[in-house]
Protein backbone atom coordinates (compact mmCIF):
# COMPACT_ATOMS: atom_id res chain seq x y z
CA MET A 1 0.00 0.00 0.00
CA PRO A 2 1.63 3.32 -1.05
CA ALA A 3 2.51 5.76 1.71
CA LEU A 4 1.02 9.24 1.72
CA TRP A 5 3.72 10.59 4.01
CA LYS A 6 7.03 9.48 5.48
CA GLY A 7 8.67 10.91 8.56
CA ALA A 8 9.07 10.09 12.21
CA ILE A 9 7.16 10.11 15.47
CA GLY A 10 9.01 12.20 18.00
CA PHE A 11 8.34 11.88 21.72
CA GLY A 12 11.04 13.21 24.01
CA LEU A 13 14.37 12.30 22.43
CA VAL A 14 12.98 9.08 20.91
CA SER A 15 12.39 9.00 17.16
CA VAL A 16 10.35 6.32 15.37
CA PRO A 17 10.54 6.36 11.54
CA VAL A 18 7.05 5.71 10.17
CA ARG A 19 4.99 5.88 7.01
CA LEU A 20 1.40 7.09 6.84
CA VAL A 21 -1.18 4.99 4.96
CA PRO A 22 -4.91 5.75 4.47
CA ALA A 23 -7.05 3.63 6.80
CA THR A 24 -10.26 3.92 4.77
CA GLN A 25 -11.37 3.66 1.16
CA GLU A 26 -14.55 4.63 -0.61
CA HIS A 27 -16.47 1.80 -2.22
CA GLY A 28 -19.04 1.52 -4.93
CA ILE A 29 -19.58 3.06 -8.33
CA ARG A 30 -18.43 6.63 -8.92
CA LEU A 31 -20.80 8.68 -11.03
CA HIS A 32 -19.59 11.43 -13.36
CA GLN A 33 -21.43 14.19 -15.17
CA VAL A 34 -22.50 13.72 -18.81
CA HIS A 35 -24.72 15.48 -21.32
CA ASP A 36 -28.11 13.73 -21.06
CA ALA A 37 -28.78 14.09 -24.81
CA ASP A 38 -25.70 12.29 -26.14
CA GLY A 39 -23.80 10.95 -23.11
CA GLY A 40 -20.76 13.17 -23.74
CA ARG A 41 -18.50 13.67 -20.70
CA ILE A 42 -18.71 17.11 -19.09
CA ARG A 43 -15.23 18.35 -18.17
CA GLN A 44 -14.24 20.84 -15.51
CA GLU A 45 -11.63 23.23 -16.92
CA ARG A 46 -9.44 25.81 -15.20
CA VAL A 47 -10.46 28.99 -17.04
CA CYS A 48 -9.19 32.43 -16.01
CA ASP A 49 -12.10 34.87 -15.70
CA LEU A 50 -9.86 37.80 -16.80
CA CYS A 51 -8.17 36.51 -19.96
CA GLY A 52 -10.58 33.67 -20.71
CA GLN A 53 -7.75 31.19 -21.30
CA THR A 54 -7.56 27.61 -20.00
CA ILE A 55 -4.71 27.61 -17.48
CA PRO A 56 -2.31 24.65 -17.18
CA TYR A 57 -1.92 23.33 -13.65
CA GLU A 58 1.70 24.51 -13.31
CA HIS A 59 0.51 28.11 -13.64
CA VAL A 60 -2.21 27.81 -10.99
CA ALA A 61 -1.27 29.78 -7.86
CA ARG A 62 -3.16 30.39 -4.63
CA ALA A 63 -4.54 33.62 -3.30
CA ALA A 64 -6.19 35.04 -0.20
CA GLU A 65 -8.25 38.18 0.14
CA ALA A 66 -7.93 40.63 3.02
CA GLU A 67 -9.09 44.23 3.36
CA GLY A 68 -10.45 44.21 -0.17
CA ARG A 69 -7.12 43.23 -1.71
CA GLN A 70 -5.77 39.95 -3.05
CA ALA A 71 -2.42 38.39 -2.18
CA VAL A 72 -1.21 35.79 -4.70
CA LEU A 73 1.14 33.08 -3.39
CA THR A 74 3.05 30.83 -5.80
CA GLU A 75 3.82 27.18 -5.06
CA ALA A 76 7.46 28.14 -4.44
CA GLU A 77 6.38 30.73 -1.86
CA MET A 78 4.10 28.17 -0.21
CA GLU A 79 6.98 25.69 -0.01
CA ARG A 80 9.18 28.27 1.77
CA LEU A 81 6.70 28.70 4.62
CA PRO A 82 8.16 27.28 7.85
CA LEU A 83 6.47 23.99 8.71
CA PRO A 84 8.22 22.19 11.60
CA THR A 85 5.90 19.17 11.37
CA LYS A 86 6.58 18.51 7.68
CA LYS A 87 8.56 15.35 8.45
CA LEU A 88 7.73 14.93 12.13
CA ILE A 89 4.68 13.74 14.03
CA ASP A 90 5.31 15.90 17.08
CA VAL A 91 3.83 14.39 20.25
CA LEU A 92 2.55 17.23 22.40
CA ALA A 93 1.07 15.20 25.26
CA PHE A 94 -0.24 11.77 26.29
CA ILE A 95 -3.78 11.98 27.67
CA ASP A 96 -6.87 9.88 28.42
CA ALA A 97 -8.94 9.23 25.30
CA ALA A 98 -12.08 10.53 27.02
CA ARG A 99 -10.64 14.05 26.89
CA ILE A 100 -11.02 14.14 23.09
CA ASP A 101 -14.52 14.96 21.85
CA PRO A 102 -15.35 12.62 18.90
CA ILE A 103 -16.74 15.63 17.01
CA GLN A 104 -13.12 16.71 16.47
CA LEU A 105 -12.17 13.49 14.63
CA SER A 106 -11.52 13.91 10.92
CA ARG A 107 -9.62 11.42 8.70
CA PRO A 108 -8.09 8.12 9.93
CA TYR A 109 -4.70 6.75 8.87
CA TYR A 110 -2.46 3.82 9.78
CA LEU A 111 1.09 4.41 10.96
CA ALA A 112 3.51 1.64 10.05
CA PRO A 113 7.23 1.34 10.89
CA ASP A 114 9.27 2.48 7.92
CA SER A 115 12.26 0.19 8.44
CA PRO A 116 13.26 -2.89 10.44
CA ALA A 117 15.28 -0.63 12.74
CA ALA A 118 12.05 1.21 13.63
CA ASP A 119 10.27 -1.96 14.82
CA LYS A 120 11.56 -1.96 18.42
CA PRO A 121 10.89 1.73 19.25
CA TYR A 122 7.54 1.40 17.45
CA VAL A 123 6.53 -1.59 19.61
CA LEU A 124 7.80 0.19 22.72
CA LEU A 125 5.59 3.20 22.01
CA ARG A 126 2.60 1.03 21.05
CA GLU A 127 2.77 -1.22 24.12
CA THR A 128 3.38 1.64 26.54
CA MET A 129 0.33 3.47 25.18
CA ARG A 130 -1.72 0.27 25.34
CA ARG A 131 -0.77 -0.55 28.95
CA THR A 132 -1.26 3.00 30.19
CA ASP A 133 -4.52 3.31 28.19
CA ARG A 134 -3.50 6.66 26.76
CA VAL A 135 -3.63 8.43 23.42
CA ALA A 136 -1.22 11.01 22.07
CA VAL A 137 -2.10 14.52 20.91
CA THR A 138 0.20 15.36 18.02
CA LYS A 139 0.75 17.68 15.07
CA ILE A 140 1.44 16.64 11.48
CA ALA A 141 1.76 18.48 8.19
CA LEU A 142 -0.16 16.97 5.26
CA ARG A 143 -0.35 18.64 1.86
CA THR A 144 1.18 21.92 3.12
CA ARG A 145 -1.38 22.18 5.92
CA GLU A 146 -0.57 21.56 9.56
CA SER A 147 -3.17 19.48 11.37
CA LEU A 148 -3.81 18.61 14.95
CA ALA A 149 -3.95 14.81 15.29
CA LEU A 150 -4.77 12.00 17.70
CA MET A 151 -2.53 8.92 17.78
CA ARG A 152 -3.90 5.72 19.36
CA VAL A 153 -3.38 1.97 19.42
CA HIS A 154 -5.42 -0.01 16.90
CA ASP A 155 -4.83 -3.79 17.13
CA ASP A 156 -1.10 -4.20 16.41
CA LEU A 157 -0.72 -0.81 14.76
CA LEU A 158 -0.69 2.83 15.70
CA ALA A 159 -3.51 4.78 14.09
CA LEU A 160 -3.57 8.51 13.49
CA HIS A 161 -6.75 10.58 13.25
CA THR A 162 -6.44 14.14 12.05
CA LEU A 163 -8.45 16.50 14.24
CA TYR A 164 -10.28 19.72 13.58
CA TRP A 165 -8.68 22.62 15.40
CA PRO A 166 -10.80 23.81 18.35
CA ASP A 167 -11.75 27.04 16.56
CA GLU A 168 -12.99 25.00 13.56
CA ILE A 169 -15.76 23.42 15.64
CA ARG A 170 -18.90 25.48 15.30
CA SER A 171 -20.76 26.58 18.39
CA PRO A 172 -23.96 24.55 18.99
CA ALA A 173 -25.66 27.55 20.60
CA GLY A 174 -29.36 27.71 19.75
CA LEU A 175 -29.57 24.13 18.42
CA ALA A 176 -30.60 22.29 21.58
CA PRO A 177 -34.30 21.63 22.36
CA ALA A 178 -36.13 24.28 24.33
CA ASP A 179 -35.82 24.14 28.12
CA GLU A 180 -39.56 23.62 28.33
CA ALA A 181 -39.23 20.18 26.72
CA THR A 182 -39.09 17.77 29.66
CA VAL A 183 -39.63 14.04 29.98
CA ARG A 184 -41.12 12.03 32.82
CA PRO A 185 -39.30 9.20 34.64
CA GLN A 186 -41.82 6.70 33.21
CA GLU A 187 -40.93 7.79 29.67
CA ILE A 188 -37.20 7.39 30.36
CA ALA A 189 -37.81 3.94 31.84
CA ILE A 190 -39.76 2.66 28.86
CA ALA A 191 -37.26 4.24 26.43
CA ALA A 192 -34.45 2.45 28.30
CA SER A 193 -36.43 -0.79 27.99
CA LEU A 194 -36.65 -0.25 24.22
CA MET A 195 -32.89 0.42 24.03
CA ASP A 196 -32.26 -2.85 25.90
CA ARG A 197 -34.25 -4.74 23.27
CA MET A 198 -32.32 -2.95 20.51
CA SER A 199 -28.94 -3.99 22.03
CA PRO A 200 -28.57 -7.65 20.94
CA ASP A 201 -25.37 -9.40 21.99
CA ASP A 202 -24.92 -10.83 18.48
CA PHE A 203 -25.13 -7.48 16.68
CA ASP A 204 -22.16 -7.20 14.29
CA VAL A 205 -21.59 -3.92 12.49
CA ASP A 206 -19.32 -5.73 9.99
CA THR A 207 -22.36 -7.50 8.52
CA LEU A 208 -24.05 -4.24 7.49
CA GLU A 209 -24.03 -3.44 3.78
CA ASP A 210 -24.59 -0.38 1.63
CA ALA A 211 -28.05 -1.00 0.17
CA TYR A 212 -27.83 2.16 -1.96
CA GLN A 213 -24.62 1.00 -3.69
CA GLN A 214 -26.14 -2.42 -4.32
CA ALA A 215 -29.18 -0.79 -5.92
CA LEU A 216 -26.91 1.52 -7.95
CA GLU A 217 -24.87 -1.44 -9.26
CA GLU A 218 -28.08 -3.22 -10.24
CA ALA A 219 -29.35 -0.08 -12.01
CA VAL A 220 -26.07 0.32 -13.94
CA PHE A 221 -26.03 -3.35 -14.95
CA ALA A 222 -29.68 -3.17 -16.03
CA LYS A 223 -28.87 -0.12 -18.16
CA LEU A 224 -25.90 -1.84 -19.81
CA THR A 225 -27.86 -5.01 -20.53
CA HIS A 226 -31.07 -3.19 -21.56
CA ARG A 227 -33.10 -4.79 -18.81
CA PRO A 228 -35.54 -3.16 -16.40
CA ALA A 229 -33.90 -2.21 -13.12
CA PRO A 230 -35.22 -4.12 -10.09
CA ARG A 231 -37.31 -2.02 -7.74
CA ARG A 232 -36.41 -1.79 -4.07
CA ALA A 233 -38.90 -0.63 -1.49
CA ALA A 234 -37.70 2.40 0.46
CA THR A 235 -38.10 2.41 4.22
CA PRO A 236 -40.64 5.11 5.04
CA ALA A 237 -39.71 7.77 7.58
CA PRO A 238 -41.55 7.44 10.90
CA ALA A 239 -44.60 9.63 11.24
CA GLU A 240 -44.61 12.42 13.81
CA VAL A 241 -45.47 11.02 17.22
CA ALA A 242 -48.56 12.33 18.96
CA ASP A 243 -48.51 9.95 21.95
CA LEU A 244 -44.90 9.30 22.97
CA MET A 245 -45.67 6.54 25.46
CA ALA A 246 -47.86 4.71 22.96
CA ALA A 247 -45.16 4.93 20.29
CA LEU A 248 -42.52 3.58 22.71
CA GLN A 249 -44.75 0.67 23.73
CA ALA A 250 -45.56 -0.13 20.10
CA SER A 251 -41.83 -0.12 19.34
CA ILE A 252 -41.16 -2.54 22.19
CA ASP A 253 -43.95 -4.81 20.94
CA ARG A 254 -42.45 -4.77 17.45
CA GLU A 255 -38.98 -5.63 18.77
CA ASP A 256 -40.44 -8.49 20.81
CA THR A 257 -41.98 -9.98 17.67
CA GLY A 258 -38.70 -9.61 15.77
CA SER A 259 -40.19 -7.38 13.06
CA GLY A 260 -38.34 -4.21 14.01
CA ARG A 261 -34.82 -5.19 13.07
CA PRO A 262 -33.92 -3.61 9.72
CA ALA A 263 -30.23 -4.51 10.10
CA ARG A 264 -31.02 -8.23 10.28
CA ALA A 265 -33.55 -7.94 7.46
CA ARG A 266 -30.85 -6.41 5.27
CA LYS A 267 -28.48 -9.19 6.25
CA ALA A 268 -31.01 -11.81 5.26
CA SER A 269 -31.64 -10.24 1.87
CA ALA A 270 -27.94 -9.59 1.18
CA PRO A 271 -27.20 -12.86 -0.70
CA ALA A 272 -29.73 -12.05 -3.42
CA ALA A 273 -28.27 -8.59 -3.85
CA LYS A 274 -24.74 -10.00 -3.99
CA THR A 275 -25.75 -12.56 -6.61
CA SER A 276 -27.24 -9.84 -8.76
CA ALA A 277 -24.13 -7.72 -8.42
CA ALA A 278 -21.87 -10.69 -9.17
CA LYS A 279 -23.57 -11.14 -12.53
CA ALA A 280 -22.70 -7.61 -13.52
CA PRO A 281 -19.08 -7.60 -14.73
CA PRO A 282 -19.49 -4.38 -16.76
CA ALA A 283 -20.55 -2.45 -13.65
CA LYS A 284 -17.64 -3.91 -11.66
CA ARG A 285 -15.16 -2.97 -14.37
CA GLN A 286 -16.53 0.55 -14.43
CA ARG A 287 -16.00 0.84 -10.67
CA ARG A 288 -12.33 -0.17 -10.93
CA LYS A 289 -11.69 2.41 -13.65
CA SER A 290 -12.95 5.34 -11.58
């Protein structure tokens, strides 16, 4: 797997050479824009609004506006900006994971040792973090932008999550329900009972599948083979509740009969969807090209 970044983790005077690898990947068919009349591909071009010319990428600079004026920065000027974390994951502190609000989490990456000589200090850092149950707050520079980051243990690897800076998190002021909205203890008790029924021990998030992508693959295959696309019934949104207690009790009754488990229903219907997708080599080939 190609590395996005190579450098070192620095904590104290210890240096651990590592490489950064994306931890996630998007799946499914990528759609692009075409002209609906003839299917021609619609291209996005870099056109200057002053001279009207299409600008090659090497002549694209960056600019910022302040006080009604524009400052243009070339790539060379951007490269000269001091960036101490360009080749260093700088550990600022080791803290309890509970101190990081999940709303700050952005993109996840894997950190792998970059050489055999890095294995021992890498394992030392990993095992010490595991046994002390701590995470590391760090900084890293990716694509000329410095990011705050969280480093943690994930199985036998160290994982890195870029974080939003504190001032990038919007204030939630005015979004919470009105103070007048209160609930009774009986309502909390019956809601807790419903949650208990919706917390099966055998629930496995790894069995969940993307029903939209399955339907999209089927639609693409049907289009390529000139067949009618299969219809899938959409799950209707719940109606607005007039009697909260009655709705909670009805939900409990539905769970008790086993009819209120959409995740398991999807799991049961997955083989048919997979079979349909497996018979669609053109759609699969199209996905690999994008």
